[in-house]
PDB file of N, CA and C in Angstrom:
ATOM      1  N   MET A   1      16.903   7.766  22.536  1.00  0.00           N
ATOM      2  CA  MET A   1      15.150   7.841  22.611  1.00  0.00           C
ATOM      3  C   MET A   1      14.921   6.128  22.879  1.00  0.00           C
ATOM      4  N   GLU A   2      14.248   5.978  23.506  1.00  0.00           N
ATOM      5  CA  GLU A   2      13.744   4.984  24.176  1.00  0.00           C
ATOM      6  C   GLU A   2      12.289   4.376  24.760  1.00  0.00           C
ATOM      7  N   ALA A   3      11.376   3.256  24.321  1.00  0.00           N
ATOM      8  CA  ALA A   3       9.997   3.269  24.957  1.00  0.00           C
ATOM      9  C   ALA A   3       9.914   2.088  25.467  1.00  0.00           C
ATOM     10  N   LEU A   4       9.130   1.917  26.734  1.00  0.00           N
ATOM     11  CA  LEU A   4       8.803   0.589  26.807  1.00  0.00           C
ATOM     12  C   LEU A   4       7.453   0.020  26.479  1.00  0.00           C
ATOM     13  N   VAL A   5       7.203  -1.002  25.680  1.00  0.00           N
ATOM     14  CA  VAL A   5       6.066  -1.357  25.358  1.00  0.00           C
ATOM     15  C   VAL A   5       5.365  -2.845  25.521  1.00  0.00           C
ATOM     16  N   LYS A   6       4.658  -3.061  25.520  1.00  0.00           N
ATOM     17  CA  LYS A   6       4.179  -4.089  26.271  1.00  0.00           C
ATOM     18  C   LYS A   6       3.468  -4.880  24.584  1.00  0.00           C
ATOM     19  N   ILE A   7       3.370  -6.371  24.865  1.00  0.00           N
ATOM     20  CA  ILE A   7       3.219  -7.118  23.611  1.00  0.00           C
ATOM     21  C   ILE A   7       2.162  -7.470  23.934  1.00  0.00           C
ATOM     22  N   SER A   8       1.240  -7.651  22.938  1.00  0.00           N
ATOM     23  CA  SER A   8      -0.533  -8.282  23.204  1.00  0.00           C
ATOM     24  C   SER A   8      -0.678  -9.818  22.643  1.00  0.00           C
ATOM     25  N   SER A   9      -1.691 -10.249  23.505  1.00  0.00           N
ATOM     26  CA  SER A   9      -1.817 -11.610  23.339  1.00  0.00           C
ATOM     27  C   SER A   9      -1.469 -11.880  21.461  1.00  0.00           C
ATOM     28  N   LYS A  10      -1.674 -11.093  20.749  1.00  0.00           N
ATOM     29  CA  LYS A  10      -1.967 -11.427  19.486  1.00  0.00           C
ATOM     30  C   LYS A  10      -0.171 -11.029  18.686  1.00  0.00           C
ATOM     31  N   GLY A  11       0.535 -11.135  19.439  1.00  0.00           N
ATOM     32  CA  GLY A  11       1.979 -10.318  19.581  1.00  0.00           C
ATOM     33  C   GLY A  11       1.877  -9.209  18.568  1.00  0.00           C
ATOM     34  N   GLN A  12       1.107  -8.512  18.968  1.00  0.00           N
ATOM     35  CA  GLN A  12       1.040  -6.469  18.294  1.00  0.00           C
ATOM     36  C   GLN A  12       2.172  -6.279  19.364  1.00  0.00           C
ATOM     37  N   VAL A  13       2.391  -4.699  18.931  1.00  0.00           N
ATOM     38  CA  VAL A  13       2.822  -3.495  19.669  1.00  0.00           C
ATOM     39  C   VAL A  13       2.263  -2.589  19.061  1.00  0.00           C
ATOM     40  N   THR A  14       2.387  -1.288  19.697  1.00  0.00           N
ATOM     41  CA  THR A  14       2.471  -0.067  19.237  1.00  0.00           C
ATOM     42  C   THR A  14       3.452   0.877  19.387  1.00  0.00           C
ATOM     43  N   ILE A  15       3.829   0.954  18.339  1.00  0.00           N
ATOM     44  CA  ILE A  15       4.905   1.933  18.131  1.00  0.00           C
ATOM     45  C   ILE A  15       4.534   3.171  18.152  1.00  0.00           C
ATOM     46  N   PRO A  16       5.046   3.964  19.530  1.00  0.00           N
ATOM     47  CA  PRO A  16       5.489   5.014  20.166  1.00  0.00           C
ATOM     48  C   PRO A  16       4.993   6.305  19.074  1.00  0.00           C
ATOM     49  N   LYS A  17       4.168   7.445  19.004  1.00  0.00           N
ATOM     50  CA  LYS A  17       4.175   8.169  18.159  1.00  0.00           C
ATOM     51  C   LYS A  17       5.288   8.911  17.698  1.00  0.00           C
ATOM     52  N   LYS A  18       6.099   9.262  18.495  1.00  0.00           N
ATOM     53  CA  LYS A  18       7.952   9.817  18.544  1.00  0.00           C
ATOM     54  C   LYS A  18       8.571   9.000  17.707  1.00  0.00           C
ATOM     55  N   PHE A  19       8.570   7.626  18.023  1.00  0.00           N
ATOM     56  CA  PHE A  19       9.152   7.000  17.318  1.00  0.00           C
ATOM     57  C   PHE A  19       8.644   6.478  15.654  1.00  0.00           C
ATOM     58  N   ARG A  20       7.150   6.577  15.357  1.00  0.00           N
ATOM     59  CA  ARG A  20       6.675   6.745  14.180  1.00  0.00           C
ATOM     60  C   ARG A  20       7.124   7.938  13.410  1.00  0.00           C
ATOM     61  N   GLU A  21       7.092   8.980  13.597  1.00  0.00           N
ATOM     62  CA  GLU A  21       7.399  10.418  13.662  1.00  0.00           C
ATOM     63  C   GLU A  21       8.792  10.234  13.108  1.00  0.00           C
ATOM     64  N   PHE A  22      10.071   9.946  14.060  1.00  0.00           N
ATOM     65  CA  PHE A  22      11.409   9.301  13.342  1.00  0.00           C
ATOM     66  C   PHE A  22      10.945   8.519  12.078  1.00  0.00           C
ATOM     67  N   LEU A  23      10.251   7.384  12.324  1.00  0.00           N
ATOM     68  CA  LEU A  23      10.512   6.688  10.954  1.00  0.00           C
ATOM     69  C   LEU A  23      10.344   7.273   9.280  1.00  0.00           C
ATOM     70  N   GLY A  24       9.391   8.264   9.633  1.00  0.00           N
ATOM     71  CA  GLY A  24       8.834   8.692   8.525  1.00  0.00           C
ATOM     72  C   GLY A  24       8.309   8.033   7.343  1.00  0.00           C
ATOM     73  N   THR A  25       7.935   6.430   7.621  1.00  0.00           N
ATOM     74  CA  THR A  25       6.943   6.160   6.988  1.00  0.00           C
ATOM     75  C   THR A  25       6.215   5.231   7.624  1.00  0.00           C
ATOM     76  N   ASN A  26       5.249   4.464   6.864  1.00  0.00           N
ATOM     77  CA  ASN A  26       4.690   3.629   7.563  1.00  0.00           C
ATOM     78  C   ASN A  26       4.709   2.162   7.158  1.00  0.00           C
ATOM     79  N   LEU A  27       6.059   1.662   6.268  1.00  0.00           N
ATOM     80  CA  LEU A  27       6.309   0.877   5.836  1.00  0.00           C
ATOM     81  C   LEU A  27       7.807   0.390   6.665  1.00  0.00           C
ATOM     82  N   ILE A  28       7.809  -0.676   7.610  1.00  0.00           N
ATOM     83  CA  ILE A  28       9.243  -0.800   8.166  1.00  0.00           C
ATOM     84  C   ILE A  28       9.735  -2.377   7.914  1.00  0.00           C
ATOM     85  N   LYS A  29      10.400  -2.918   8.212  1.00  0.00           N
ATOM     86  CA  LYS A  29      11.381  -3.939   7.860  1.00  0.00           C
ATOM     87  C   LYS A  29      12.199  -4.382   9.189  1.00  0.00           C
ATOM     88  N   PHE A  30      11.477  -5.653   9.706  1.00  0.00           N
ATOM     89  CA  PHE A  30      12.214  -6.223  10.948  1.00  0.00           C
ATOM     90  C   PHE A  30      13.544  -7.502  10.622  1.00  0.00           C
ATOM     91  N   LYS A  31      14.434  -6.963  11.195  1.00  0.00           N
ATOM     92  CA  LYS A  31      15.779  -8.007  11.294  1.00  0.00           C
ATOM     93  C   LYS A  31      15.954  -8.412  12.677  1.00  0.00           C
ATOM     94  N   ILE A  32      16.886  -9.379  12.448  1.00  0.00           N
ATOM     95  CA  ILE A  32      17.678  -9.522  14.012  1.00  0.00           C
ATOM     96  C   ILE A  32      18.843  -9.193  13.643  1.00  0.00           C
ATOM     97  N   GLU A  33      20.012  -8.728  14.168  1.00  0.00           N
ATOM     98  CA  GLU A  33      21.284  -8.305  13.812  1.00  0.00           C
ATOM     99  C   GLU A  33      21.873  -8.578  15.633  1.00  0.00           C
ATOM    100  N   GLU A  34      22.763  -9.330  15.289  1.00  0.00           N
ATOM    101  CA  GLU A  34      23.933  -9.600  16.779  1.00  0.00           C
ATOM    102  C   GLU A  34      22.922  -9.636  18.017  1.00  0.00           C
ATOM    103  N   GLY A  35      21.500 -10.601  17.724  1.00  0.00           N
ATOM    104  CA  GLY A  35      20.760 -10.865  19.018  1.00  0.00           C
ATOM    105  C   GLY A  35      19.720  -9.713  19.211  1.00  0.00           C
ATOM    106  N   LYS A  36      19.671  -8.591  18.297  1.00  0.00           N
ATOM    107  CA  LYS A  36      19.021  -7.667  18.858  1.00  0.00           C
ATOM    108  C   LYS A  36      17.903  -7.617  17.493  1.00  0.00           C
ATOM    109  N   ILE A  37      16.702  -7.028  17.748  1.00  0.00           N
ATOM    110  CA  ILE A  37      15.408  -6.787  16.607  1.00  0.00           C
ATOM    111  C   ILE A  37      15.699  -5.350  16.351  1.00  0.00           C
ATOM    112  N   VAL A  38      16.083  -5.163  15.084  1.00  0.00           N
ATOM    113  CA  VAL A  38      16.230  -4.442  14.619  1.00  0.00           C
ATOM    114  C   VAL A  38      15.163  -3.723  13.674  1.00  0.00           C
ATOM    115  N   ILE A  39      13.998  -2.286  13.617  1.00  0.00           N
ATOM    116  CA  ILE A  39      13.490  -2.057  12.577  1.00  0.00           C
ATOM    117  C   ILE A  39      13.864  -0.992  11.950  1.00  0.00           C
ATOM    118  N   GLU A  40      13.683  -1.483  11.085  1.00  0.00           N
ATOM    119  CA  GLU A  40      14.349  -0.388   9.666  1.00  0.00           C
ATOM    120  C   GLU A  40      13.291   0.082   8.702  1.00  0.00           C
ATOM    121  N   PRO A  41      13.333   1.657   8.601  1.00  0.00           N
ATOM    122  CA  PRO A  41      12.352   2.169   7.772  1.00  0.00           C
ATOM    123  C   PRO A  41      12.543   1.653   6.302  1.00  0.00           C
ATOM    124  N   ILE A  42      11.601   1.635   5.830  1.00  0.00           N
ATOM    125  CA  ILE A  42      11.216   1.714   4.395  1.00  0.00           C
ATOM    126  C   ILE A  42      10.524   2.540   3.691  1.00  0.00           C
ATOM    127  N   LYS A  43      11.084   3.282   2.548  1.00  0.00           N
ATOM    128  CA  LYS A  43      10.496   4.098   2.123  1.00  0.00           C
ATOM    129  C   LYS A  43       9.559   3.753   1.484  1.00  0.00           C
ATOM    130  N   ASP A  44       7.922   4.610   1.395  1.00  0.00           N
ATOM    131  CA  ASP A  44       7.040   3.772  -0.061  1.00  0.00           C
ATOM    132  C   ASP A  44       7.555   3.817  -1.344  1.00  0.00           C
ATOM    133  N   VAL A  45       8.005   3.139  -2.152  1.00  0.00           N
ATOM    134  CA  VAL A  45       8.575   3.093  -3.251  1.00  0.00           C
ATOM    135  C   VAL A  45       7.434   3.480  -4.138  1.00  0.00           C
ATOM    136  N   GLY A  46       6.159   3.418  -3.842  1.00  0.00           N
ATOM    137  CA  GLY A  46       4.727   3.739  -4.796  1.00  0.00           C
ATOM    138  C   GLY A  46       4.761   4.693  -5.652  1.00  0.00           C
ATOM    139  N   GLY A  47       5.530   6.347  -4.390  1.00  0.00           N
ATOM    140  CA  GLY A  47       5.417   7.251  -4.964  1.00  0.00           C
ATOM    141  C   GLY A  47       6.625   7.900  -5.648  1.00  0.00           C
ATOM    142  N   ILE A  48       7.268   7.066  -5.814  1.00  0.00           N
ATOM    143  CA  ILE A  48       8.765   7.104  -7.086  1.00  0.00           C
ATOM    144  C   ILE A  48       7.795   7.254  -8.366  1.00  0.00           C
ATOM    145  N   PHE A  49       6.954   5.630  -8.574  1.00  0.00           N
ATOM    146  CA  PHE A  49       6.530   5.639  -9.854  1.00  0.00           C
ATOM    147  C   PHE A  49       5.280   6.289  -9.978  1.00  0.00           C
ATOM    148  N   LYS A  50       4.707   7.537  -9.255  1.00  0.00           N
ATOM    149  CA  LYS A  50       3.451   8.194  -9.570  1.00  0.00           C
ATOM    150  C   LYS A  50       3.070   8.836 -11.095  1.00  0.00           C
ATOM    151  N   LYS A  51       4.359   9.249 -11.446  1.00  0.00           N
ATOM    152  CA  LYS A  51       4.274   9.964 -12.569  1.00  0.00           C
ATOM    153  C   LYS A  51       4.317   8.869 -13.571  1.00  0.00           C
ATOM    154  N   TYR A  52       4.785   7.819 -13.714  1.00  0.00           N
ATOM    155  CA  TYR A  52       4.120   6.685 -14.419  1.00  0.00           C
ATOM    156  C   TYR A  52       2.881   6.415 -14.582  1.00  0.00           C
ATOM    157  N   VAL A  53       2.225   6.273 -13.521  1.00  0.00           N
ATOM    158  CA  VAL A  53       0.966   5.699 -13.669  1.00  0.00           C
ATOM    159  C   VAL A  53       0.020   6.468 -14.296  1.00  0.00           C
ATOM    160  N   LYS A  54      -1.070   6.221 -15.015  1.00  0.00           N
ATOM    161  CA  LYS A  54      -1.931   7.126 -15.893  1.00  0.00           C
ATOM    162  C   LYS A  54      -2.664   7.070 -14.511  1.00  0.00           C
ATOM    163  N   LYS A  55      -3.821   8.671 -14.406  1.00  0.00           N
ATOM    164  CA  LYS A  55      -4.511   8.699 -13.469  1.00  0.00           C
ATOM    165  C   LYS A  55      -5.735   8.208 -13.826  1.00  0.00           C
ATOM    166  N   SER A  56      -6.099   7.413 -12.696  1.00  0.00           N
ATOM    167  CA  SER A  56      -7.520   6.297 -12.886  1.00  0.00           C
ATOM    168  C   SER A  56      -8.886   7.192 -12.669  1.00  0.00           C
ATOM    169  N   LEU A  57      -9.898   6.337 -13.696  1.00  0.00           N
ATOM    170  CA  LEU A  57     -11.019   7.672 -13.753  1.00  0.00           C
ATOM    171  C   LEU A  57     -11.573   6.545 -12.145  1.00  0.00           C
ATOM    172  N   PRO A  58     -13.018   7.410 -11.566  1.00  0.00           N
ATOM    173  CA  PRO A  58     -13.652   6.720 -10.927  1.00  0.00           C
ATOM    174  C   PRO A  58     -14.334   5.396 -11.134  1.00  0.00           C
ATOM    175  N   PHE A  59     -14.541   4.776  -9.988  1.00  0.00           N
ATOM    176  CA  PHE A  59     -14.611   3.243 -10.514  1.00  0.00           C
ATOM    177  C   PHE A  59     -15.915   3.051 -10.959  1.00  0.00           C
ATOM    178  N   GLU A  60     -17.084   3.656 -10.893  1.00  0.00           N
ATOM    179  CA  GLU A  60     -18.359   3.672 -11.667  1.00  0.00           C
ATOM    180  C   GLU A  60     -17.954   3.716 -13.070  1.00  0.00           C
ATOM    181  N   LYS A  61     -16.755   4.659 -13.921  1.00  0.00           N
ATOM    182  CA  LYS A  61     -16.799   5.113 -15.010  1.00  0.00           C
ATOM    183  C   LYS A  61     -16.160   3.743 -15.354  1.00  0.00           C
ATOM    184  N   GLU A  62     -14.775   3.352 -14.616  1.00  0.00           N
ATOM    185  CA  GLU A  62     -14.091   2.490 -15.080  1.00  0.00           C
ATOM    186  C   GLU A  62     -14.725   0.846 -15.379  1.00  0.00           C
ATOM    187  N   ARG A  63     -15.920   0.641 -14.347  1.00  0.00           N
ATOM    188  CA  ARG A  63     -16.628  -0.282 -15.088  1.00  0.00           C
ATOM    189  C   ARG A  63     -17.725  -0.095 -16.137  1.00  0.00           C
ATOM    190  N   GLU A  64     -18.190   1.315 -16.236  1.00  0.00           N
ATOM    191  CA  GLU A  64     -19.091   1.360 -17.494  1.00  0.00           C
ATOM    192  C   GLU A  64     -18.170   1.319 -18.749  1.00  0.00           C
ATOM    193  N   LEU A  65     -16.861   1.623 -18.708  1.00  0.00           N
ATOM    194  CA  LEU A  65     -15.914   1.189 -19.839  1.00  0.00           C
ATOM    195  C   LEU A  65     -15.687  -0.127 -20.110  1.00  0.00           C
ATOM    196  N   ALA A  66     -15.232  -0.713 -18.907  1.00  0.00           N
ATOM    197  CA  ALA A  66     -14.941  -2.236 -19.118  1.00  0.00           C
ATOM    198  C   ALA A  66     -16.487  -3.214 -19.777  1.00  0.00           C
ATOM    199  N   TRP A  67     -17.453  -2.704 -19.374  1.00  0.00           N
ATOM    200  CA  TRP A  67     -18.880  -3.489 -19.779  1.00  0.00           C
ATOM    201  C   TRP A  67     -18.990  -3.051 -21.290  1.00  0.00           C
ATOM    202  N   GLU A  68     -18.836  -1.431 -21.497  1.00  0.00           N
ATOM    203  CA  GLU A  68     -18.900  -1.455 -22.977  1.00  0.00           C
ATOM    204  C   GLU A  68     -17.543  -2.001 -24.020  1.00  0.00           C
ATOM    205  N   LYS A  69     -16.293  -2.367 -23.259  1.00  0.00           N
ATOM    206  CA  LYS A  69     -15.385  -3.048 -24.019  1.00  0.00           C
ATOM    207  C   LYS A  69     -15.588  -4.518 -24.162  1.00  0.00           C
ATOM    208  N   VAL A  70     -16.500  -5.220 -23.301  1.00  0.00           N
ATOM    209  CA  VAL A  70     -16.906  -6.478 -23.776  1.00  0.00           C
ATOM    210  C   VAL A  70     -17.994  -6.642 -24.474  1.00  0.00           C
ATOM    211  N   ALA A  71     -18.746  -5.826 -24.427  1.00  0.00           N
ATOM    212  CA  ALA A  71     -20.352  -5.647 -24.793  1.00  0.00           C
ATOM    213  C   ALA A  71     -19.531  -5.605 -26.445  1.00  0.00           C
ATOM    214  N   ASN A  72     -18.909  -4.650 -26.515  1.00  0.00           N
ATOM    215  CA  ASN A  72     -18.239  -4.357 -28.058  1.00  0.00           C
ATOM    216  C   ASN A  72     -17.276  -5.772 -28.892  1.00  0.00           C
ATOM    217  N   GLU A  73     -16.603  -6.531 -27.863  1.00  0.00           N
ATOM    218  CA  GLU A  73     -15.788  -7.313 -28.334  1.00  0.00           C
ATOM    219  C   GLU A  73     -16.667  -8.498 -28.847  1.00  0.00           C
ATOM    220  N   TYR A  74     -18.124  -8.688 -28.119  1.00  0.00           N
ATOM    221  CA  TYR A  74     -18.553 -10.143 -27.912  1.00  0.00           C
ATOM    222  C   TYR A  74     -19.941 -10.227 -28.876  1.00  0.00           C
ATOM    223  N   CYS A  75     -19.900  -8.943 -29.174  1.00  0.00           N
ATOM    224  CA  CYS A  75     -21.549  -9.043 -29.916  1.00  0.00           C
ATOM    225  C   CYS A  75     -21.554  -8.180 -31.282  1.00  0.00           C
ATOM    226  N   ASP A  76     -22.103  -8.485 -32.070  1.00  0.00           N
ATOM    227  CA  ASP A  76     -21.609  -7.719 -33.449  1.00  0.00           C
ATOM    228  C   ASP A  76     -23.076  -6.860 -33.485  1.00  0.00           C
ATOM    229  N   PHE A  77     -22.898  -5.667 -33.219  1.00  0.00           N
ATOM    230  CA  PHE A  77     -24.223  -4.712 -33.050  1.00  0.00           C
ATOM    231  C   PHE A  77     -24.324  -4.583 -34.613  1.00  0.00           C
ATOM    232  N   SER A  78     -23.531  -4.538 -35.484  1.00  0.00           N
ATOM    233  CA  SER A  78     -23.665  -3.955 -36.911  1.00  0.00           C
ATOM    234  C   SER A  78     -24.826  -4.253 -37.834  1.00  0.00           C
ATOM    235  N   ARG A  79     -25.543  -5.820 -37.627  1.00  0.00           N
ATOM    236  CA  ARG A  79     -26.238  -6.367 -38.188  1.00  0.00           C
ATOM    237  C   ARG A  79     -27.751  -6.113 -37.625  1.00  0.00           C
ATOM    238  N   TYR A  80     -27.500  -5.151 -36.482  1.00  0.00           N
ATOM    239  CA  TYR A  80     -28.943  -4.754 -36.335  1.00  0.00           C
ATOM    240  C   TYR A  80     -29.566  -3.468 -36.762  1.00  0.00           C
TER     241      TYR A  80
END
């Protein structure tokens, strides 16, 4: 499989769909080996750790809890 692609003035290229599908990831590594540029797929390591990450709350709820925590730490409401 091969394709001819143009490098933009910003140094960008579009990887053809069939190559992206072959890679199976959206994370790649470039390296030079024996005078050739090699693109190597990197599997998403984030997915490996999903089971160890607690499920997050919606942003608004996280913000509300953070404000409550700060208020409780810095204000002694027991004297009111």
